[in-house]
Every structure is written in structure tokens, then in C-alpha cells.
Amino acid sequence: MSNPTIKATVDVRHVIPRERHLQIFDTFLQLTPGEAMLLVNDHDPKPLFYQFQAELGENFSWDYLEQGPETWQVRIGKTAPCCS
């Protein structure tokens, strides 16, 4: 699959940590297959990647666009109508 079109940006650098994953998943669920969101974070969101794997299987793509040291940007795409 080619790079999905970014439809939303979620910058969680100033969001309370306990609210970050909820905001990210809420945004992801609004995407349609072929669309993506851009996640901007202040640390490597690798634990979020594992949560996506556990909850969505292979129905998403994960592409680092920037990897620190102060800012991480990840394009997270919806690849199938897994969840709505």
C-alpha cells in the first residue's frame, strides 16, 4: 500500500499522559481505509505501537517520519475497515 493521505494531526506533547492514547485512538477510529493521522509526540511512542497491534492486528500502518531526540512524528494509517 502506498503512503496513506494524512487527514488529521494529533499533537499530544501538551496533553496529560493518561489522556493521550484515548485521544489518539478516537482520532484513528474516525479515519477511513487509506487515510492516516500524523502523531506528534515528545518520546518514542513504541508502547502505543504495541497497543495498536494488540487491538487492531494488521489493520494499520506505522511509519516514523521523525525520530527524536525531542520530537517524534509517526504517520499511522488505517489499512482496512477494521473498526469504526
C-alpha atoms as a PDB file:
ATOM      1  CA  MET A   1       0.000   0.000   0.000  1.00  0.00           C
ATOM      2  CA  SER A   2       1.258   3.485  -0.819  1.00  0.00           C
ATOM      3  CA  ASN A   3       1.534   6.118   1.852  1.00  0.00           C
ATOM      4  CA  PRO A   4      -1.947   6.943   3.143  1.00  0.00           C
ATOM      5  CA  THR A   5      -3.162  10.548   2.973  1.00  0.00           C
ATOM      6  CA  ILE A   6      -2.834  12.372   6.293  1.00  0.00           C
ATOM      7  CA  LYS A   7      -6.289  13.638   7.321  1.00  0.00           C
ATOM      8  CA  ALA A   8      -5.585  14.670  10.924  1.00  0.00           C
ATOM      9  CA  THR A   9      -2.699  15.701  13.136  1.00  0.00           C
ATOM     10  CA  VAL A  10      -2.658  14.780  16.808  1.00  0.00           C
ATOM     11  CA  ASP A  11      -0.003  16.618  18.781  1.00  0.00           C
ATOM     12  CA  VAL A  12      -0.015  15.084  22.248  1.00  0.00           C
ATOM     13  CA  ARG A  13       3.086  16.820  23.587  1.00  0.00           C
ATOM     14  CA  HIS A  14       0.928  19.029  25.814  1.00  0.00           C
ATOM     15  CA  VAL A  15      -1.822  16.519  26.587  1.00  0.00           C
ATOM     16  CA  ILE A  16      -1.984  14.905  30.029  1.00  0.00           C
ATOM     17  CA  PRO A  17      -0.283  11.481  29.620  1.00  0.00           C
ATOM     18  CA  ARG A  18      -3.308   9.465  30.795  1.00  0.00           C
ATOM     19  CA  GLU A  19      -5.452  11.106  28.075  1.00  0.00           C
ATOM     20  CA  ARG A  20      -3.041  10.659  25.176  1.00  0.00           C
ATOM     21  CA  HIS A  21      -3.929   7.140  23.997  1.00  0.00           C
ATOM     22  CA  LEU A  22      -7.665   7.849  24.186  1.00  0.00           C
ATOM     23  CA  GLN A  23      -7.283  10.938  22.012  1.00  0.00           C
ATOM     24  CA  ILE A  24      -5.082   9.050  19.537  1.00  0.00           C
ATOM     25  CA  PHE A  25      -7.472   6.093  19.237  1.00  0.00           C
ATOM     26  CA  ASP A  26     -10.513   8.390  18.933  1.00  0.00           C
ATOM     27  CA  THR A  27      -8.844  10.142  16.000  1.00  0.00           C
ATOM     28  CA  PHE A  28      -7.762   6.863  14.384  1.00  0.00           C
ATOM     29  CA  LEU A  29     -11.296   5.441  14.581  1.00  0.00           C
ATOM     30  CA  GLN A  30     -12.613   8.405  12.574  1.00  0.00           C
ATOM     31  CA  LEU A  31     -10.326   7.573   9.640  1.00  0.00           C
ATOM     32  CA  THR A  32     -11.461   5.597   6.633  1.00  0.00           C
ATOM     33  CA  PRO A  33      -9.227   2.992   4.971  1.00  0.00           C
ATOM     34  CA  GLY A  34      -6.490   4.734   3.006  1.00  0.00           C
ATOM     35  CA  GLU A  35      -6.382   7.710   5.363  1.00  0.00           C
ATOM     36  CA  ALA A  36      -3.829   8.419   8.066  1.00  0.00           C
ATOM     37  CA  MET A  37      -3.197  10.584  11.064  1.00  0.00           C
ATOM     38  CA  LEU A  38       0.055  12.269  11.999  1.00  0.00           C
ATOM     39  CA  LEU A  39       1.042  11.686  15.609  1.00  0.00           C
ATOM     40  CA  VAL A  40       3.427  14.216  17.147  1.00  0.00           C
ATOM     41  CA  ASN A  41       4.927  13.166  20.479  1.00  0.00           C
ATOM     42  CA  ASP A  42       7.751  14.072  22.856  1.00  0.00           C
ATOM     43  CA  HIS A  43       9.051  10.491  23.117  1.00  0.00           C
ATOM     44  CA  ASP A  44       9.144   7.319  21.043  1.00  0.00           C
ATOM     45  CA  PRO A  45       5.542   6.032  21.034  1.00  0.00           C
ATOM     46  CA  LYS A  46       6.634   2.380  20.767  1.00  0.00           C
ATOM     47  CA  PRO A  47       4.247   1.251  23.572  1.00  0.00           C
ATOM     48  CA  LEU A  48       1.400   2.748  21.545  1.00  0.00           C
ATOM     49  CA  PHE A  49       2.534   0.689  18.538  1.00  0.00           C
ATOM     50  CA  TYR A  50       2.191  -2.484  20.615  1.00  0.00           C
ATOM     51  CA  GLN A  51      -1.262  -1.386  21.786  1.00  0.00           C
ATOM     52  CA  PHE A  52      -2.300  -0.827  18.159  1.00  0.00           C
ATOM     53  CA  GLN A  53      -1.000  -4.315  17.290  1.00  0.00           C
ATOM     54  CA  ALA A  54      -2.901  -5.911  20.180  1.00  0.00           C
ATOM     55  CA  GLU A  55      -6.175  -4.139  19.428  1.00  0.00           C
ATOM     56  CA  LEU A  56      -6.102  -3.833  15.622  1.00  0.00           C
ATOM     57  CA  GLY A  57      -3.926  -6.660  14.358  1.00  0.00           C
ATOM     58  CA  GLU A  58      -2.622  -5.770  10.901  1.00  0.00           C
ATOM     59  CA  ASN A  59      -5.281  -3.158  10.121  1.00  0.00           C
ATOM     60  CA  PHE A  60      -2.935  -0.187  10.439  1.00  0.00           C
ATOM     61  CA  SER A  61       0.374   1.090   9.098  1.00  0.00           C
ATOM     62  CA  TRP A  62       3.070   2.759  11.187  1.00  0.00           C
ATOM     63  CA  ASP A  63       5.736   4.961   9.586  1.00  0.00           C
ATOM     64  CA  TYR A  64       8.212   7.061  11.529  1.00  0.00           C
ATOM     65  CA  LEU A  65       8.702  10.430   9.841  1.00  0.00           C
ATOM     66  CA  GLU A  66      10.867  11.912  12.617  1.00  0.00           C
ATOM     67  CA  GLN A  67      12.626  10.024  15.415  1.00  0.00           C
ATOM     68  CA  GLY A  68      13.739  12.397  18.137  1.00  0.00           C
ATOM     69  CA  PRO A  69      15.581  13.345  20.097  1.00  0.00           C
ATOM     70  CA  GLU A  70      12.958  15.947  21.087  1.00  0.00           C
ATOM     71  CA  THR A  71      10.103  15.246  18.686  1.00  0.00           C
ATOM     72  CA  TRP A  72       8.751  12.052  17.169  1.00  0.00           C
ATOM     73  CA  GLN A  73       6.328  12.080  14.247  1.00  0.00           C
ATOM     74  CA  VAL A  74       4.539   8.942  13.127  1.00  0.00           C
ATOM     75  CA  ARG A  75       2.109   8.503  10.233  1.00  0.00           C
ATOM     76  CA  ILE A  76      -0.491   5.977  11.406  1.00  0.00           C
ATOM     77  CA  GLY A  77      -2.714   4.754   8.605  1.00  0.00           C
ATOM     78  CA  LYS A  78      -5.936   2.765   8.602  1.00  0.00           C
ATOM     79  CA  THR A  79      -5.487  -0.062   6.091  1.00  0.00           C
ATOM     80  CA  ALA A  80      -8.815  -1.874   6.476  1.00  0.00           C
ATOM     81  CA  PRO A  81     -12.341  -1.168   7.728  1.00  0.00           C
ATOM     82  CA  CYS A  82     -11.415  -2.877  10.981  1.00  0.00           C
ATOM     83  CA  CYS A  83     -13.097  -0.556  13.327  1.00  0.00           C
ATOM     84  CA  SER A  84     -15.355   2.423  13.146  1.00  0.00           C
END
